[in-house]
Amino acid sequence: MSAGNNYNNFDAELKQIKAYLLNHNASASMVAAALKIYRPSLCRHKRTLESNGVLKVTHKGICKITGRKVQYLSCDPQKVKGAIDGQE
């Protein structure tokens, strides 16, 4: 596989994740399962979207996939605007 294909796949996955999180408030595991994206790849995309100011953690809750306490993510501008910066 050429480097160009990897970049195109990265870009396509990034767009899928952003579109999904515009309409859903979900944990990273929930997004990975819904979009069938490899979980470690999703974490790289998450960092990219966060650094661009598009994605924020909206709250903490129990993941419907793992059953663990996790951060819920959103790209919805209204939810991102209301998110608390620095939530850990």
PDB file of N, CA and C in Angstrom:
ATOM      1  N   MET A   1       0.852  -1.189   0.000  1.00  0.00           N
ATOM      2  CA  MET A   1       0.000   0.000   0.000  1.00  0.00           C
ATOM      3  C   MET A   1       0.888   1.239   0.000  1.00  0.00           C
ATOM      4  N   SER A   2       0.580   2.189  -0.806  1.00  0.00           N
ATOM      5  CA  SER A   2       1.403   3.394  -0.901  1.00  0.00           C
ATOM      6  C   SER A   2       1.043   4.384   0.203  1.00  0.00           C
ATOM      7  N   ALA A   3       1.958   5.308   0.448  1.00  0.00           N
ATOM      8  CA  ALA A   3       1.732   6.325   1.477  1.00  0.00           C
ATOM      9  C   ALA A   3       0.509   7.171   1.137  1.00  0.00           C
ATOM     10  N   GLY A   4       0.269   7.415  -0.139  1.00  0.00           N
ATOM     11  CA  GLY A   4      -0.894   8.193  -0.547  1.00  0.00           C
ATOM     12  C   GLY A   4      -2.187   7.543  -0.127  1.00  0.00           C
ATOM     13  N   ASN A   5      -2.255   6.221  -0.250  1.00  0.00           N
ATOM     14  CA  ASN A   5      -3.457   5.497   0.170  1.00  0.00           C
ATOM     15  C   ASN A   5      -3.663   5.605   1.664  1.00  0.00           C
ATOM     16  N   ASN A   6      -2.577   5.532   2.433  1.00  0.00           N
ATOM     17  CA  ASN A   6      -2.694   5.656   3.886  1.00  0.00           C
ATOM     18  C   ASN A   6      -3.227   7.032   4.262  1.00  0.00           C
ATOM     19  N   TYR A   7      -2.731   8.070   3.592  1.00  0.00           N
ATOM     20  CA  TYR A   7      -3.187   9.422   3.888  1.00  0.00           C
ATOM     21  C   TYR A   7      -4.660   9.575   3.528  1.00  0.00           C
ATOM     22  N   ASN A   8      -5.053   9.053   2.385  1.00  0.00           N
ATOM     23  CA  ASN A   8      -6.452   9.149   1.969  1.00  0.00           C
ATOM     24  C   ASN A   8      -7.361   8.427   2.944  1.00  0.00           C
ATOM     25  N   ASN A   9      -6.933   7.259   3.437  1.00  0.00           N
ATOM     26  CA  ASN A   9      -7.711   6.510   4.412  1.00  0.00           C
ATOM     27  C   ASN A   9      -7.808   7.296   5.717  1.00  0.00           C
ATOM     28  N   PHE A  10      -6.701   7.900   6.157  1.00  0.00           N
ATOM     29  CA  PHE A  10      -6.680   8.708   7.374  1.00  0.00           C
ATOM     30  C   PHE A  10      -7.679   9.853   7.248  1.00  0.00           C
ATOM     31  N   ASP A  11      -7.636  10.552   6.116  1.00  0.00           N
ATOM     32  CA  ASP A  11      -8.520  11.686   5.878  1.00  0.00           C
ATOM     33  C   ASP A  11      -9.988  11.246   5.833  1.00  0.00           C
ATOM     34  N   ALA A  12     -10.248  10.118   5.181  1.00  0.00           N
ATOM     35  CA  ALA A  12     -11.624   9.607   5.089  1.00  0.00           C
ATOM     36  C   ALA A  12     -12.147   9.221   6.467  1.00  0.00           C
ATOM     37  N   GLU A  13     -11.315   8.554   7.272  1.00  0.00           N
ATOM     38  CA  GLU A  13     -11.735   8.179   8.626  1.00  0.00           C
ATOM     39  C   GLU A  13     -11.977   9.417   9.479  1.00  0.00           C
ATOM     40  N   LEU A  14     -11.116  10.407   9.349  1.00  0.00           N
ATOM     41  CA  LEU A  14     -11.261  11.650  10.106  1.00  0.00           C
ATOM     42  C   LEU A  14     -12.602  12.315   9.794  1.00  0.00           C
ATOM     43  N   LYS A  15     -12.960  12.364   8.520  1.00  0.00           N
ATOM     44  CA  LYS A  15     -14.239  12.946   8.110  1.00  0.00           C
ATOM     45  C   LYS A  15     -15.418  12.136   8.643  1.00  0.00           C
ATOM     46  N   GLN A  16     -15.292  10.807   8.629  1.00  0.00           N
ATOM     47  CA  GLN A  16     -16.355   9.936   9.157  1.00  0.00           C
ATOM     48  C   GLN A  16     -16.575  10.199  10.640  1.00  0.00           C
ATOM     49  N   ILE A  17     -15.495  10.291  11.384  1.00  0.00           N
ATOM     50  CA  ILE A  17     -15.576  10.497  12.835  1.00  0.00           C
ATOM     51  C   ILE A  17     -16.203  11.851  13.137  1.00  0.00           C
ATOM     52  N   LYS A  18     -15.751  12.884  12.438  1.00  0.00           N
ATOM     53  CA  LYS A  18     -16.301  14.221  12.662  1.00  0.00           C
ATOM     54  C   LYS A  18     -17.799  14.242  12.368  1.00  0.00           C
ATOM     55  N   ALA A  19     -18.200  13.633  11.258  1.00  0.00           N
ATOM     56  CA  ALA A  19     -19.624  13.592  10.891  1.00  0.00           C
ATOM     57  C   ALA A  19     -20.425  12.826  11.946  1.00  0.00           C
ATOM     58  N   TYR A  20     -19.891  11.710  12.424  1.00  0.00           N
ATOM     59  CA  TYR A  20     -20.591  10.906  13.431  1.00  0.00           C
ATOM     60  C   TYR A  20     -20.769  11.708  14.724  1.00  0.00           C
ATOM     61  N   LEU A  21     -19.688  12.391  15.146  1.00  0.00           N
ATOM     62  CA  LEU A  21     -19.738  13.125  16.407  1.00  0.00           C
ATOM     63  C   LEU A  21     -20.477  14.462  16.311  1.00  0.00           C
ATOM     64  N   LEU A  22     -20.841  14.869  15.115  1.00  0.00           N
ATOM     65  CA  LEU A  22     -21.725  16.035  14.979  1.00  0.00           C
ATOM     66  C   LEU A  22     -23.134  15.678  15.437  1.00  0.00           C
ATOM     67  N   ASN A  23     -23.500  14.399  15.279  1.00  0.00           N
ATOM     68  CA  ASN A  23     -24.864  13.955  15.587  1.00  0.00           C
ATOM     69  C   ASN A  23     -24.964  13.040  16.793  1.00  0.00           C
ATOM     70  N   HIS A  24     -23.826  12.590  17.320  1.00  0.00           N
ATOM     71  CA  HIS A  24     -23.824  11.663  18.450  1.00  0.00           C
ATOM     72  C   HIS A  24     -22.846  12.141  19.509  1.00  0.00           C
ATOM     73  N   ASN A  25     -23.199  11.939  20.751  1.00  0.00           N
ATOM     74  CA  ASN A  25     -22.309  12.174  21.872  1.00  0.00           C
ATOM     75  C   ASN A  25     -21.899  10.781  22.331  1.00  0.00           C
ATOM     76  N   ALA A  26     -20.625  10.415  22.172  1.00  0.00           N
ATOM     77  CA  ALA A  26     -20.226   9.031  22.384  1.00  0.00           C
ATOM     78  C   ALA A  26     -18.804   8.931  22.913  1.00  0.00           C
ATOM     79  N   SER A  27     -18.487   7.777  23.501  1.00  0.00           N
ATOM     80  CA  SER A  27     -17.121   7.490  23.923  1.00  0.00           C
ATOM     81  C   SER A  27     -16.316   7.049  22.707  1.00  0.00           C
ATOM     82  N   ALA A  28     -15.009   7.045  22.835  1.00  0.00           N
ATOM     83  CA  ALA A  28     -14.146   6.620  21.728  1.00  0.00           C
ATOM     84  C   ALA A  28     -14.442   5.171  21.331  1.00  0.00           C
ATOM     85  N   SER A  29     -14.680   4.307  22.294  1.00  0.00           N
ATOM     86  CA  SER A  29     -14.990   2.906  21.982  1.00  0.00           C
ATOM     87  C   SER A  29     -16.314   2.786  21.242  1.00  0.00           C
ATOM     88  N   MET A  30     -17.277   3.598  21.617  1.00  0.00           N
ATOM     89  CA  MET A  30     -18.574   3.572  20.942  1.00  0.00           C
ATOM     90  C   MET A  30     -18.437   4.046  19.494  1.00  0.00           C
ATOM     91  N   VAL A  31     -17.616   5.077  19.265  1.00  0.00           N
ATOM     92  CA  VAL A  31     -17.391   5.579  17.907  1.00  0.00           C
ATOM     93  C   VAL A  31     -16.676   4.518  17.078  1.00  0.00           C
ATOM     94  N   ALA A  32     -15.630   3.918  17.650  1.00  0.00           N
ATOM     95  CA  ALA A  32     -14.865   2.888  16.936  1.00  0.00           C
ATOM     96  C   ALA A  32     -15.771   1.725  16.538  1.00  0.00           C
ATOM     97  N   ALA A  33     -16.636   1.295  17.437  1.00  0.00           N
ATOM     98  CA  ALA A  33     -17.542   0.178  17.140  1.00  0.00           C
ATOM     99  C   ALA A  33     -18.574   0.568  16.080  1.00  0.00           C
ATOM    100  N   ALA A  34     -19.135   1.757  16.199  1.00  0.00           N
ATOM    101  CA  ALA A  34     -20.173   2.200  15.255  1.00  0.00           C
ATOM    102  C   ALA A  34     -19.622   2.362  13.837  1.00  0.00           C
ATOM    103  N   LEU A  35     -18.392   2.858  13.728  1.00  0.00           N
ATOM    104  CA  LEU A  35     -17.811   3.137  12.416  1.00  0.00           C
ATOM    105  C   LEU A  35     -16.868   2.038  11.927  1.00  0.00           C
ATOM    106  N   LYS A  36     -16.663   1.023  12.783  1.00  0.00           N
ATOM    107  CA  LYS A  36     -15.754  -0.086  12.456  1.00  0.00           C
ATOM    108  C   LYS A  36     -14.351   0.435  12.118  1.00  0.00           C
ATOM    109  N   ILE A  37     -13.857   1.318  12.994  1.00  0.00           N
ATOM    110  CA  ILE A  37     -12.517   1.880  12.866  1.00  0.00           C
ATOM    111  C   ILE A  37     -11.661   1.300  13.987  1.00  0.00           C
ATOM    112  N   TYR A  38     -10.446   0.910  13.640  1.00  0.00           N
ATOM    113  CA  TYR A  38      -9.496   0.355  14.602  1.00  0.00           C
ATOM    114  C   TYR A  38      -9.299   1.360  15.737  1.00  0.00           C
ATOM    115  N   ARG A  39      -9.474   0.914  16.972  1.00  0.00           N
ATOM    116  CA  ARG A  39      -9.481   1.799  18.144  1.00  0.00           C
ATOM    117  C   ARG A  39      -8.228   2.684  18.252  1.00  0.00           C
ATOM    118  N   PRO A  40      -6.994   2.128  18.095  1.00  0.00           N
ATOM    119  CA  PRO A  40      -5.814   3.010  18.155  1.00  0.00           C
ATOM    120  C   PRO A  40      -5.812   4.087  17.061  1.00  0.00           C
ATOM    121  N   SER A  41      -6.347   3.790  15.894  1.00  0.00           N
ATOM    122  CA  SER A  41      -6.454   4.804  14.838  1.00  0.00           C
ATOM    123  C   SER A  41      -7.412   5.902  15.272  1.00  0.00           C
ATOM    124  N   LEU A  42      -8.494   5.507  15.926  1.00  0.00           N
ATOM    125  CA  LEU A  42      -9.469   6.484  16.385  1.00  0.00           C
ATOM    126  C   LEU A  42      -8.828   7.456  17.376  1.00  0.00           C
ATOM    127  N   CYS A  43      -7.930   6.961  18.221  1.00  0.00           N
ATOM    128  CA  CYS A  43      -7.259   7.834  19.196  1.00  0.00           C
ATOM    129  C   CYS A  43      -6.402   8.881  18.490  1.00  0.00           C
ATOM    130  N   ARG A  44      -5.749   8.509  17.397  1.00  0.00           N
ATOM    131  CA  ARG A  44      -4.960   9.485  16.629  1.00  0.00           C
ATOM    132  C   ARG A  44      -5.887  10.545  16.018  1.00  0.00           C
ATOM    133  N   HIS A  45      -7.004  10.101  15.490  1.00  0.00           N
ATOM    134  CA  HIS A  45      -7.969  11.038  14.902  1.00  0.00           C
ATOM    135  C   HIS A  45      -8.533  11.967  15.979  1.00  0.00           C
ATOM    136  N   LYS A  46      -8.783  11.409  17.152  1.00  0.00           N
ATOM    137  CA  LYS A  46      -9.314  12.200  18.269  1.00  0.00           C
ATOM    138  C   LYS A  46      -8.357  13.329  18.611  1.00  0.00           C
ATOM    139  N   ARG A  47      -7.065  13.025  18.688  1.00  0.00           N
ATOM    140  CA  ARG A  47      -6.071  14.059  18.990  1.00  0.00           C
ATOM    141  C   ARG A  47      -6.048  15.140  17.908  1.00  0.00           C
ATOM    142  N   THR A  48      -6.154  14.728  16.655  1.00  0.00           N
ATOM    143  CA  THR A  48      -6.165  15.687  15.548  1.00  0.00           C
ATOM    144  C   THR A  48      -7.358  16.631  15.664  1.00  0.00           C
ATOM    145  N   LEU A  49      -8.539  16.069  15.892  1.00  0.00           N
ATOM    146  CA  LEU A  49      -9.747  16.892  16.012  1.00  0.00           C
ATOM    147  C   LEU A  49      -9.691  17.801  17.236  1.00  0.00           C
ATOM    148  N   GLU A  50      -9.146  17.293  18.346  1.00  0.00           N
ATOM    149  CA  GLU A  50      -9.010  18.114  19.554  1.00  0.00           C
ATOM    150  C   GLU A  50      -8.063  19.283  19.313  1.00  0.00           C
ATOM    151  N   SER A  51      -6.929  19.010  18.672  1.00  0.00           N
ATOM    152  CA  SER A  51      -5.954  20.081  18.446  1.00  0.00           C
ATOM    153  C   SER A  51      -6.482  21.133  17.467  1.00  0.00           C
ATOM    154  N   ASN A  52      -7.425  20.747  16.605  1.00  0.00           N
ATOM    155  CA  ASN A  52      -8.054  21.698  15.685  1.00  0.00           C
ATOM    156  C   ASN A  52      -9.221  22.439  16.327  1.00  0.00           C
ATOM    157  N   GLY A  53      -9.531  22.113  17.581  1.00  0.00           N
ATOM    158  CA  GLY A  53     -10.616  22.774  18.295  1.00  0.00           C
ATOM    159  C   GLY A  53     -12.004  22.328  17.874  1.00  0.00           C
ATOM    160  N   VAL A  54     -12.089  21.201  17.164  1.00  0.00           N
ATOM    161  CA  VAL A  54     -13.363  20.707  16.637  1.00  0.00           C
ATOM    162  C   VAL A  54     -14.034  19.752  17.619  1.00  0.00           C
ATOM    163  N   LEU A  55     -13.258  19.012  18.371  1.00  0.00           N
ATOM    164  CA  LEU A  55     -13.776  17.980  19.271  1.00  0.00           C
ATOM    165  C   LEU A  55     -13.485  18.355  20.716  1.00  0.00           C
ATOM    166  N   LYS A  56     -14.443  18.127  21.580  1.00  0.00           N
ATOM    167  CA  LYS A  56     -14.273  18.368  23.017  1.00  0.00           C
ATOM    168  C   LYS A  56     -14.889  17.225  23.806  1.00  0.00           C
ATOM    169  N   VAL A  57     -14.405  17.057  25.015  1.00  0.00           N
ATOM    170  CA  VAL A  57     -15.022  16.139  25.969  1.00  0.00           C
ATOM    171  C   VAL A  57     -16.191  16.891  26.575  1.00  0.00           C
ATOM    172  N   THR A  58     -17.386  16.307  26.494  1.00  0.00           N
ATOM    173  CA  THR A  58     -18.565  16.997  27.016  1.00  0.00           C
ATOM    174  C   THR A  58     -18.876  16.611  28.456  1.00  0.00           C
ATOM    175  N   HIS A  59     -18.639  15.338  28.779  1.00  0.00           N
ATOM    176  CA  HIS A  59     -18.889  14.887  30.147  1.00  0.00           C
ATOM    177  C   HIS A  59     -18.284  13.501  30.330  1.00  0.00           C
ATOM    178  N   LYS A  60     -18.338  13.004  31.559  1.00  0.00           N
ATOM    179  CA  LYS A  60     -17.902  11.650  31.846  1.00  0.00           C
ATOM    180  C   LYS A  60     -19.129  10.802  32.142  1.00  0.00           C
ATOM    181  N   GLY A  61     -19.057   9.555  31.749  1.00  0.00           N
ATOM    182  CA  GLY A  61     -20.164   8.641  31.978  1.00  0.00           C
ATOM    183  C   GLY A  61     -19.700   7.209  31.780  1.00  0.00           C
ATOM    184  N   ILE A  62     -20.621   6.288  31.835  1.00  0.00           N
ATOM    185  CA  ILE A  62     -20.308   4.875  31.649  1.00  0.00           C
ATOM    186  C   ILE A  62     -20.457   4.524  30.169  1.00  0.00           C
ATOM    187  N   CYS A  63     -19.406   3.924  29.614  1.00  0.00           N
ATOM    188  CA  CYS A  63     -19.412   3.516  28.210  1.00  0.00           C
ATOM    189  C   CYS A  63     -20.367   2.351  28.008  1.00  0.00           C
ATOM    190  N   LYS A  64     -21.181   2.427  26.956  1.00  0.00           N
ATOM    191  CA  LYS A  64     -22.135   1.364  26.646  1.00  0.00           C
ATOM    192  C   LYS A  64     -21.447   0.138  26.060  1.00  0.00           C
ATOM    193  N   ILE A  65     -20.189   0.264  25.639  1.00  0.00           N
ATOM    194  CA  ILE A  65     -19.432  -0.851  25.079  1.00  0.00           C
ATOM    195  C   ILE A  65     -18.597  -1.538  26.151  1.00  0.00           C
ATOM    196  N   THR A  66     -17.808  -0.754  26.890  1.00  0.00           N
ATOM    197  CA  THR A  66     -16.853  -1.325  27.852  1.00  0.00           C
ATOM    198  C   THR A  66     -17.386  -1.412  29.281  1.00  0.00           C
ATOM    199  N   GLY A  67     -18.402  -0.603  29.603  1.00  0.00           N
ATOM    200  CA  GLY A  67     -18.914  -0.582  30.974  1.00  0.00           C
ATOM    201  C   GLY A  67     -18.023   0.202  31.930  1.00  0.00           C
ATOM    202  N   ARG A  68     -17.022   0.873  31.406  1.00  0.00           N
ATOM    203  CA  ARG A  68     -16.097   1.649  32.237  1.00  0.00           C
ATOM    204  C   ARG A  68     -16.461   3.130  32.201  1.00  0.00           C
ATOM    205  N   LYS A  69     -15.959   3.863  33.209  1.00  0.00           N
ATOM    206  CA  LYS A  69     -16.156   5.308  33.238  1.00  0.00           C
ATOM    207  C   LYS A  69     -15.239   5.918  32.181  1.00  0.00           C
ATOM    208  N   VAL A  70     -15.823   6.703  31.276  1.00  0.00           N
ATOM    209  CA  VAL A  70     -15.083   7.259  30.143  1.00  0.00           C
ATOM    210  C   VAL A  70     -15.492   8.698  29.885  1.00  0.00           C
ATOM    211  N   GLN A  71     -14.772   9.328  28.982  1.00  0.00           N
ATOM    212  CA  GLN A  71     -15.103  10.670  28.523  1.00  0.00           C
ATOM    213  C   GLN A  71     -15.992  10.549  27.294  1.00  0.00           C
ATOM    214  N   TYR A  72     -17.054  11.334  27.255  1.00  0.00           N
ATOM    215  CA  TYR A  72     -17.923  11.385  26.078  1.00  0.00           C
ATOM    216  C   TYR A  72     -17.482  12.552  25.205  1.00  0.00           C
ATOM    217  N   LEU A  73     -17.473  12.320  23.905  1.00  0.00           N
ATOM    218  CA  LEU A  73     -16.935  13.261  22.932  1.00  0.00           C
ATOM    219  C   LEU A  73     -18.031  13.822  22.045  1.00  0.00           C
ATOM    220  N   SER A  74     -17.786  15.020  21.520  1.00  0.00           N
ATOM    221  CA  SER A  74     -18.728  15.619  20.571  1.00  0.00           C
ATOM    222  C   SER A  74     -18.004  16.587  19.654  1.00  0.00           C
ATOM    223  N   CYS A  75     -18.501  16.704  18.429  1.00  0.00           N
ATOM    224  CA  CYS A  75     -18.051  17.726  17.471  1.00  0.00           C
ATOM    225  C   CYS A  75     -19.171  18.718  17.185  1.00  0.00           C
ATOM    226  N   ASP A  76     -20.313  18.550  17.854  1.00  0.00           N
ATOM    227  CA  ASP A  76     -21.439  19.472  17.701  1.00  0.00           C
ATOM    228  C   ASP A  76     -20.999  20.839  18.237  1.00  0.00           C
ATOM    229  N   PRO A  77     -21.024  21.871  17.400  1.00  0.00           N
ATOM    230  CA  PRO A  77     -20.540  23.186  17.841  1.00  0.00           C
ATOM    231  C   PRO A  77     -21.197  23.690  19.124  1.00  0.00           C
ATOM    232  N   GLN A  78     -22.473  23.394  19.326  1.00  0.00           N
ATOM    233  CA  GLN A  78     -23.147  23.839  20.550  1.00  0.00           C
ATOM    234  C   GLN A  78     -22.621  23.107  21.776  1.00  0.00           C
ATOM    235  N   LYS A  79     -22.362  21.812  21.641  1.00  0.00           N
ATOM    236  CA  LYS A  79     -21.829  21.042  22.763  1.00  0.00           C
ATOM    237  C   LYS A  79     -20.358  21.369  22.998  1.00  0.00           C
ATOM    238  N   VAL A  80     -19.619  21.570  21.915  1.00  0.00           N
ATOM    239  CA  VAL A  80     -18.200  21.921  22.047  1.00  0.00           C
ATOM    240  C   VAL A  80     -18.067  23.272  22.736  1.00  0.00           C
ATOM    241  N   LYS A  81     -18.917  24.212  22.350  1.00  0.00           N
ATOM    242  CA  LYS A  81     -18.885  25.558  22.942  1.00  0.00           C
ATOM    243  C   LYS A  81     -19.173  25.483  24.442  1.00  0.00           C
ATOM    244  N   GLY A  82     -20.069  24.580  24.855  1.00  0.00           N
ATOM    245  CA  GLY A  82     -20.436  24.480  26.262  1.00  0.00           C
ATOM    246  C   GLY A  82     -19.563  23.550  27.070  1.00  0.00           C
ATOM    247  N   ALA A  83     -18.638  22.839  26.418  1.00  0.00           N
ATOM    248  CA  ALA A  83     -17.776  21.890  27.131  1.00  0.00           C
ATOM    249  C   ALA A  83     -16.791  22.627  28.017  1.00  0.00           C
ATOM    250  N   ILE A  84     -16.424  21.960  29.073  1.00  0.00           N
ATOM    251  CA  ILE A  84     -15.470  22.545  30.014  1.00  0.00           C
ATOM    252  C   ILE A  84     -14.067  22.176  29.541  1.00  0.00           C
ATOM    253  N   ASP A  85     -13.226  23.179  29.309  1.00  0.00           N
ATOM    254  CA  ASP A  85     -11.848  22.918  28.903  1.00  0.00           C
ATOM    255  C   ASP A  85     -11.077  22.284  30.051  1.00  0.00           C
ATOM    256  N   GLY A  86     -10.149  21.393  29.683  1.00  0.00           N
ATOM    257  CA  GLY A  86      -9.274  20.781  30.669  1.00  0.00           C
ATOM    258  C   GLY A  86      -9.895  19.668  31.467  1.00  0.00           C
ATOM    259  N   GLN A  87     -11.029  19.122  31.024  1.00  0.00           N
ATOM    260  CA  GLN A  87     -11.614  17.981  31.742  1.00  0.00           C
ATOM    261  C   GLN A  87     -10.690  16.806  31.604  1.00  0.00           C
ATOM    262  N   GLU A  88     -10.339  16.217  32.691  1.00  0.00           N
ATOM    263  CA  GLU A  88      -9.475  15.028  32.681  1.00  0.00           C
ATOM    264  C   GLU A  88     -10.167  13.887  33.357  1.00  0.00           C
TER     265      GLU A  88
END
